[in-house]
Amino acid sequence: MQQGALFDLINQLHCWAEPISIDGEIYYWASKQMICNEIPLAYSKVDTF
């Protein structure tokens, strides 16, 4: 379940993460804490991520 939730979250990263443009390419930043906040049932602590 945890891996499925994480894969889905990363797949939808462009919907909720702030885009960063570097040399004309778009990148998205997701910290461990942001991921824990988005799916708290799968990851309750940053260490478990």
C-alpha atoms as a PDB file:
ATOM      1  CA  MET A   1       0.000   0.000   0.000  1.00  0.00           C
ATOM      2  CA  GLN A   2       2.789   2.436   0.896  1.00  0.00           C
ATOM      3  CA  GLN A   3       4.583   2.037  -2.416  1.00  0.00           C
ATOM      4  CA  GLY A   4       1.344   2.412  -4.377  1.00  0.00           C
ATOM      5  CA  ALA A   5       0.419   5.578  -2.504  1.00  0.00           C
ATOM      6  CA  LEU A   6       3.900   7.019  -3.039  1.00  0.00           C
ATOM      7  CA  PHE A   7       3.882   6.182  -6.764  1.00  0.00           C
ATOM      8  CA  ASP A   8       0.472   7.828  -7.189  1.00  0.00           C
ATOM      9  CA  LEU A   9       1.625  10.920  -5.288  1.00  0.00           C
ATOM     10  CA  ILE A  10       4.752  11.295  -7.420  1.00  0.00           C
ATOM     11  CA  ASN A  11       2.705  10.686 -10.570  1.00  0.00           C
ATOM     12  CA  GLN A  12       0.462  13.620  -9.595  1.00  0.00           C
ATOM     13  CA  LEU A  13       3.311  15.850  -8.384  1.00  0.00           C
ATOM     14  CA  HIS A  14       2.698  18.372 -11.156  1.00  0.00           C
ATOM     15  CA  CYS A  15      -0.779  19.059  -9.694  1.00  0.00           C
ATOM     16  CA  TRP A  16       0.273  20.114  -6.208  1.00  0.00           C
ATOM     17  CA  ALA A  17       3.994  20.891  -6.129  1.00  0.00           C
ATOM     18  CA  GLU A  18       5.400  24.261  -7.062  1.00  0.00           C
ATOM     19  CA  PRO A  19       7.173  24.240 -10.432  1.00  0.00           C
ATOM     20  CA  ILE A  20      10.752  25.479 -10.698  1.00  0.00           C
ATOM     21  CA  SER A  21      12.168  26.510 -14.077  1.00  0.00           C
ATOM     22  CA  ILE A  22      15.882  25.864 -14.656  1.00  0.00           C
ATOM     23  CA  ASP A  23      17.301  26.589 -18.108  1.00  0.00           C
ATOM     24  CA  GLY A  24      13.849  26.310 -19.660  1.00  0.00           C
ATOM     25  CA  GLU A  25      13.103  22.912 -18.063  1.00  0.00           C
ATOM     26  CA  ILE A  26      10.364  22.524 -15.454  1.00  0.00           C
ATOM     27  CA  TYR A  27      11.185  20.631 -12.254  1.00  0.00           C
ATOM     28  CA  TYR A  28       9.094  19.916  -9.146  1.00  0.00           C
ATOM     29  CA  TRP A  29      10.373  19.718  -5.577  1.00  0.00           C
ATOM     30  CA  ALA A  30       8.880  17.363  -3.020  1.00  0.00           C
ATOM     31  CA  SER A  31      10.525  17.046   0.370  1.00  0.00           C
ATOM     32  CA  LYS A  32      10.138  14.064   2.671  1.00  0.00           C
ATOM     33  CA  GLN A  33       8.028  16.195   5.007  1.00  0.00           C
ATOM     34  CA  MET A  34       5.712  17.245   2.155  1.00  0.00           C
ATOM     35  CA  ILE A  35       5.181  13.591   1.212  1.00  0.00           C
ATOM     36  CA  CYS A  36       4.439  12.650   4.829  1.00  0.00           C
ATOM     37  CA  ASN A  37       1.925  15.514   5.009  1.00  0.00           C
ATOM     38  CA  GLU A  38       0.203  14.416   1.796  1.00  0.00           C
ATOM     39  CA  ILE A  39      -0.148  10.715   2.712  1.00  0.00           C
ATOM     40  CA  PRO A  40      -0.049  10.509   6.518  1.00  0.00           C
ATOM     41  CA  LEU A  41      -1.694   7.057   6.649  1.00  0.00           C
ATOM     42  CA  ALA A  42       1.171   5.535   4.671  1.00  0.00           C
ATOM     43  CA  TYR A  43       4.028   7.533   6.199  1.00  0.00           C
ATOM     44  CA  SER A  44       3.559   8.859   9.713  1.00  0.00           C
ATOM     45  CA  LYS A  45       7.178   9.961  10.223  1.00  0.00           C
ATOM     46  CA  VAL A  46       9.857  11.306   7.900  1.00  0.00           C
ATOM     47  CA  ASP A  47      12.150   8.470   9.010  1.00  0.00           C
ATOM     48  CA  THR A  48       9.727   5.829   7.697  1.00  0.00           C
ATOM     49  CA  PHE A  49       9.642   7.394   4.275  1.00  0.00           C
END
